[in-house]
Amino acid sequence: MRISAEYMNLLQSRLDMVGNNLANANTTAFKQQLLSEEEGMDTQELSKSRAMYGGVAPGIAADQTALPVYNGNRFDFSQGTLVQSDQPQNMAISGEGFFQVAAANGRTGYTRAGNFGPDGNGRIVNPQGLLLELGAEIPENASDLSIGSDGKITAVVDDELTELGQLTLARFENPHGLQQAGDDIYLETDQSGPPLTGNPGTEGFGQIQGGMLERSNTDTAKAMSNMIEAQRAYQIEIGITKDQDQMIAEAIALRG
């Protein structure tokens, strides 16, 4: 019974995860989640229906004695498709790196979503109002603000094109250790390690693509297939659990 409950938790977690991936298929720079698994269940105690892929769990042969156990989700940080945007302050990173924004409690947030734009005070913010950390002061009379592929920030000030500063990107040795803080914002943790910062286009960092946005990397077709498989396995598992309950009840009745 414990194993059956664990497996149903695995399937429910998979359903929740895939559902969230599908719901965010059109969210800018959304990173789909993948189910992390570890070995730990005895196949003699599980029916073939409990393996989600073709009767055998991925990476485990039919004669092995372990099936995967839910061990949390991890983010797939592979790059989504870059598409044209009609907003000049929108940006995408072609390659590795995160934009840095001023998050709550004085912390720095990290995001791939470059759907930035000016607020009422002329600052560059994301849709949630988080300030893009530009590394430059933008004069009130600045116009035609532009960020080049190398991160150089320029604007027209007093009718002259002026270089104002340098946008830097951040990356992590272990991005899978980042903490998800909502709205595609991630926070540094002990597991991620400290951020490494550098200019766009330098070694280890991607280039800025102005007027572009990164799409979600959700594989919609695969996610739909995974959803159907998990739903089918979940329904079968409910039937197996009911059969187990009935067998236990009958055994108790016989002993009585």
Protein backbone atom coordinates (compact mmCIF):
# COMPACT_ATOMS: atom_id res chain seq x y z
CA MET A 1 0.00 0.00 0.00
CA ARG A 2 2.83 2.39 0.82
CA ILE A 3 4.40 1.74 -2.58
CA SER A 4 1.06 2.21 -4.32
CA ALA A 5 0.59 5.56 -2.57
CA GLU A 6 4.12 6.62 -3.52
CA TYR A 7 3.49 5.74 -7.13
CA MET A 8 0.20 7.61 -7.21
CA ASN A 9 2.01 10.63 -5.76
CA LEU A 10 4.53 10.28 -8.58
CA LEU A 11 1.79 10.23 -11.19
CA GLN A 12 -0.05 13.17 -9.60
CA SER A 13 3.18 15.16 -9.52
CA ARG A 14 3.72 14.34 -13.17
CA LEU A 15 0.20 15.46 -14.06
CA ASP A 16 0.63 18.74 -12.18
CA MET A 17 4.00 19.39 -13.77
CA VAL A 18 2.90 18.65 -17.34
CA GLY A 19 -0.26 20.70 -16.84
CA ASN A 20 1.82 23.68 -15.73
CA ASN A 21 4.13 23.27 -18.73
CA LEU A 22 1.16 23.29 -21.10
CA ALA A 23 -0.46 26.27 -19.37
CA ASN A 24 2.73 28.28 -19.95
CA ALA A 25 3.38 27.23 -23.53
CA ASN A 26 2.93 30.87 -24.61
CA THR A 27 4.65 32.52 -21.62
CA THR A 28 7.75 34.53 -22.54
CA ALA A 29 10.95 32.55 -21.84
CA PHE A 30 9.10 30.01 -19.68
CA LYS A 31 11.27 27.02 -18.78
CA GLN A 32 9.47 23.71 -18.70
CA GLN A 33 9.94 21.41 -15.75
CA LEU A 34 11.08 17.82 -16.02
CA LEU A 35 10.42 15.12 -13.46
CA SER A 36 13.53 13.99 -11.60
CA GLU A 37 13.42 10.35 -10.59
CA GLU A 38 15.53 7.93 -8.60
CA GLU A 39 15.42 4.15 -8.29
CA GLY A 40 13.73 2.64 -5.29
CA MET A 41 10.61 0.55 -5.99
CA ASP A 42 10.56 -3.23 -6.33
CA THR A 43 9.09 -4.24 -9.70
CA GLN A 44 7.72 -7.44 -8.16
CA GLU A 45 5.36 -5.23 -6.17
CA LEU A 46 4.29 -3.12 -9.15
CA SER A 47 2.26 -3.97 -12.22
CA LYS A 48 3.60 -3.24 -15.69
CA SER A 49 0.95 -0.54 -15.97
CA ARG A 50 2.90 1.51 -13.45
CA ALA A 51 5.81 2.07 -15.82
CA MET A 52 4.97 5.18 -17.79
CA TYR A 53 6.85 4.44 -20.99
CA GLY A 54 6.04 1.32 -23.00
CA GLY A 55 5.66 -0.98 -20.00
CA VAL A 56 9.15 -0.34 -18.62
CA ALA A 57 10.36 2.78 -16.85
CA PRO A 58 12.95 4.81 -18.79
CA GLY A 59 16.48 3.55 -18.35
CA ILE A 60 15.43 0.42 -16.42
CA ALA A 61 15.40 -3.01 -18.04
CA ALA A 62 12.42 -5.33 -17.60
CA ASP A 63 14.38 -7.73 -15.37
CA GLN A 64 15.65 -5.05 -13.01
CA THR A 65 14.12 -4.73 -9.55
CA ALA A 66 13.65 -0.97 -9.30
CA LEU A 67 11.36 1.62 -10.79
CA PRO A 68 11.65 5.40 -10.49
CA VAL A 69 10.46 7.23 -7.40
CA TYR A 70 9.42 10.88 -7.48
CA ASN A 71 12.37 12.98 -6.36
CA GLY A 72 11.27 16.52 -7.28
CA ASN A 73 11.20 18.59 -10.45
CA ARG A 74 14.04 20.28 -12.27
CA PHE A 75 13.97 23.07 -14.81
CA ASP A 76 14.96 22.60 -18.42
CA PHE A 77 17.02 25.72 -19.16
CA SER A 78 17.44 25.01 -22.86
CA GLN A 79 16.81 28.08 -25.00
CA GLY A 80 13.39 28.68 -26.51
CA THR A 81 12.85 30.00 -30.03
CA LEU A 82 13.63 33.70 -30.51
CA VAL A 83 10.86 35.70 -32.19
CA GLN A 84 10.51 39.29 -33.36
CA SER A 85 8.84 41.80 -31.04
CA ASP A 86 7.30 45.18 -31.84
CA GLN A 87 8.58 46.69 -28.57
CA PRO A 88 12.05 48.31 -28.88
CA GLN A 89 12.99 47.66 -25.23
CA ASN A 90 12.25 43.95 -25.53
CA MET A 91 15.35 41.76 -25.55
CA ALA A 92 16.33 38.13 -25.80
CA ILE A 93 19.55 36.36 -24.87
CA SER A 94 20.97 34.22 -27.65
CA GLY A 95 23.08 31.81 -25.64
CA GLU A 96 23.77 31.44 -21.95
CA GLY A 97 22.90 33.92 -19.25
CA PHE A 98 20.16 35.64 -17.28
CA PHE A 99 18.96 39.22 -17.04
CA GLN A 100 19.26 40.66 -13.54
CA VAL A 101 16.32 42.45 -11.92
CA ALA A 102 15.78 44.07 -8.53
CA ALA A 103 13.61 41.55 -6.66
CA ALA A 104 11.95 41.78 -3.25
CA ASN A 105 13.88 42.26 0.00
CA GLY A 106 16.87 43.75 -1.77
CA ARG A 107 17.68 40.51 -3.56
CA THR A 108 18.62 40.14 -7.21
CA GLY A 109 16.33 38.08 -9.37
CA TYR A 110 17.43 36.28 -12.52
CA THR A 111 15.28 35.79 -15.59
CA ARG A 112 15.41 34.88 -19.26
CA ALA A 113 12.26 36.88 -19.96
CA GLY A 114 13.28 40.08 -21.74
CA ASN A 115 9.83 41.65 -22.09
CA PHE A 116 11.00 44.93 -20.57
CA GLY A 117 9.62 48.39 -21.15
CA PRO A 118 9.67 51.90 -19.68
CA ASP A 119 7.62 52.76 -16.60
CA GLY A 120 6.18 56.16 -15.76
CA ASN A 121 9.56 57.31 -14.45
CA GLY A 122 11.53 56.33 -17.54
CA ARG A 123 13.04 53.26 -15.89
CA ILE A 124 13.22 49.91 -17.66
CA VAL A 125 11.06 47.35 -15.86
CA ASN A 126 9.49 43.96 -16.50
CA PRO A 127 5.69 43.42 -16.55
CA GLN A 128 5.70 42.91 -12.76
CA GLY A 129 7.44 46.26 -12.25
CA LEU A 130 10.83 44.80 -11.31
CA LEU A 131 13.64 47.13 -12.32
CA LEU A 132 16.17 45.84 -14.85
CA GLU A 133 19.65 46.25 -13.36
CA LEU A 134 21.31 48.22 -16.12
CA GLY A 135 24.48 49.38 -14.43
CA ALA A 136 23.73 52.88 -15.68
CA GLU A 137 21.77 55.96 -14.71
CA ILE A 138 19.26 56.97 -17.36
CA PRO A 139 18.89 60.78 -17.57
CA GLU A 140 15.34 62.08 -17.46
CA ASN A 141 15.79 63.76 -20.84
CA ALA A 142 17.18 60.62 -22.51
CA SER A 143 15.38 59.29 -25.57
CA ASP A 144 15.84 56.43 -28.04
CA LEU A 145 17.36 54.17 -25.39
CA SER A 146 19.11 51.21 -27.00
CA ILE A 147 21.03 48.17 -25.73
CA GLY A 148 23.45 46.63 -28.22
CA SER A 149 24.27 42.97 -28.72
CA ASP A 150 27.32 43.50 -26.49
CA GLY A 151 25.20 45.10 -23.75
CA LYS A 152 26.35 48.67 -24.33
CA ILE A 153 23.60 51.12 -23.35
CA THR A 154 23.18 54.23 -25.48
CA ALA A 155 20.57 56.98 -25.71
CA VAL A 156 20.11 60.39 -27.23
CA VAL A 157 20.85 63.01 -24.55
CA ASP A 158 20.76 66.71 -25.42
CA ASP A 159 20.50 65.79 -29.10
CA GLU A 160 23.68 63.67 -28.95
CA LEU A 161 24.06 59.90 -29.02
CA THR A 162 25.58 59.09 -25.63
CA GLU A 163 26.96 55.86 -24.18
CA LEU A 164 25.46 55.52 -20.71
CA GLY A 165 26.78 52.22 -19.39
CA GLN A 166 27.02 48.48 -19.74
CA LEU A 167 24.41 45.79 -19.19
CA THR A 168 25.86 42.61 -17.68
CA LEU A 169 24.44 39.11 -17.65
CA ALA A 170 24.65 36.45 -14.96
CA ARG A 171 25.08 32.70 -15.16
CA PHE A 172 25.43 29.87 -12.65
CA GLU A 173 27.54 26.75 -12.42
CA ASN A 174 24.41 24.85 -11.36
CA PRO A 175 21.30 26.65 -12.65
CA HIS A 176 19.17 23.67 -11.61
CA GLY A 177 19.85 24.73 -8.03
CA LEU A 178 18.08 28.08 -8.52
CA GLN A 179 14.90 28.77 -6.57
CA GLN A 180 11.81 29.61 -8.61
CA ALA A 181 10.23 32.79 -7.23
CA GLY A 182 7.29 33.10 -9.64
CA ASP A 183 6.83 34.98 -12.91
CA ASP A 184 9.92 33.28 -14.38
CA ILE A 185 12.16 34.90 -11.77
CA TYR A 186 14.82 32.75 -10.12
CA LEU A 187 16.82 33.36 -6.96
CA GLU A 188 20.33 32.30 -5.99
CA THR A 189 20.69 29.43 -3.50
CA ASP A 190 23.54 27.51 -1.92
CA GLN A 191 22.88 24.77 -4.49
CA SER A 192 23.12 27.12 -7.48
CA GLY A 193 26.27 28.79 -6.19
CA PRO A 194 26.95 32.51 -6.58
CA PRO A 195 26.32 34.23 -9.92
CA LEU A 196 29.11 34.69 -12.43
CA THR A 197 28.65 37.99 -14.27
CA GLY A 198 30.03 39.21 -17.57
CA ASN A 199 29.33 41.28 -20.64
CA PRO A 200 27.11 39.84 -23.37
CA GLY A 201 29.12 38.22 -26.14
CA THR A 202 32.12 37.43 -23.96
CA GLU A 203 33.18 33.87 -23.12
CA GLY A 204 30.38 31.95 -21.43
CA PHE A 205 27.71 34.57 -22.09
CA GLY A 206 25.20 34.93 -24.91
CA GLN A 207 24.52 38.01 -26.99
CA ILE A 208 21.64 40.44 -26.61
CA GLN A 209 19.11 40.39 -29.43
CA GLY A 210 17.21 43.69 -29.35
CA GLY A 211 13.57 43.77 -30.41
CA MET A 212 13.33 40.00 -29.88
CA LEU A 213 11.75 37.74 -27.27
CA GLU A 214 12.47 34.16 -26.25
CA ARG A 215 9.48 31.87 -26.39
CA SER A 216 8.62 29.13 -23.92
CA ASN A 217 10.63 25.95 -24.43
CA THR A 218 7.63 23.73 -23.67
CA ASP A 219 7.42 20.91 -26.20
CA THR A 220 3.63 21.00 -26.58
CA ALA A 221 3.27 17.77 -28.56
CA LYS A 222 5.43 15.82 -26.13
CA ALA A 223 3.72 17.39 -23.13
CA MET A 224 0.30 16.37 -24.46
CA SER A 225 1.53 12.82 -25.00
CA ASN A 226 2.99 12.72 -21.48
CA MET A 227 -0.28 14.04 -20.05
CA ILE A 228 -2.29 11.28 -21.75
CA GLU A 229 0.16 8.59 -20.57
CA ALA A 230 0.13 9.84 -16.99
CA GLN A 231 -3.67 10.14 -16.90
CA ARG A 232 -4.06 6.61 -18.23
CA ALA A 233 -1.56 5.22 -15.72
CA TYR A 234 -3.24 7.13 -12.89
CA GLN A 235 -6.65 5.66 -13.71
CA ILE A 236 -5.20 2.14 -13.90
CA GLU A 237 -3.43 2.68 -10.58
CA ILE A 238 -6.70 3.71 -8.93
CA GLY A 239 -8.19 0.41 -10.09
CA ILE A 240 -5.20 -1.53 -8.72
CA THR A 241 -5.49 0.23 -5.37
CA LYS A 242 -9.20 -0.64 -5.16
CA ASP A 243 -8.37 -4.29 -5.90
CA GLN A 244 -5.76 -4.25 -3.12
CA ASP A 245 -8.29 -2.79 -0.68
CA GLN A 246 -10.80 -5.48 -1.58
CA MET A 247 -8.22 -8.26 -1.13
CA ILE A 248 -7.26 -6.92 2.30
CA ALA A 249 -10.91 -6.68 3.33
CA GLU A 250 -11.54 -10.26 2.20
CA ALA A 251 -8.45 -11.50 4.06
CA ILE A 252 -9.60 -9.79 7.25
CA ALA A 253 -13.06 -11.29 6.86
CA LEU A 254 -11.62 -14.80 6.44
CA ARG A 255 -9.48 -14.41 9.56
CA GLY A 256 -12.52 -13.25 11.50
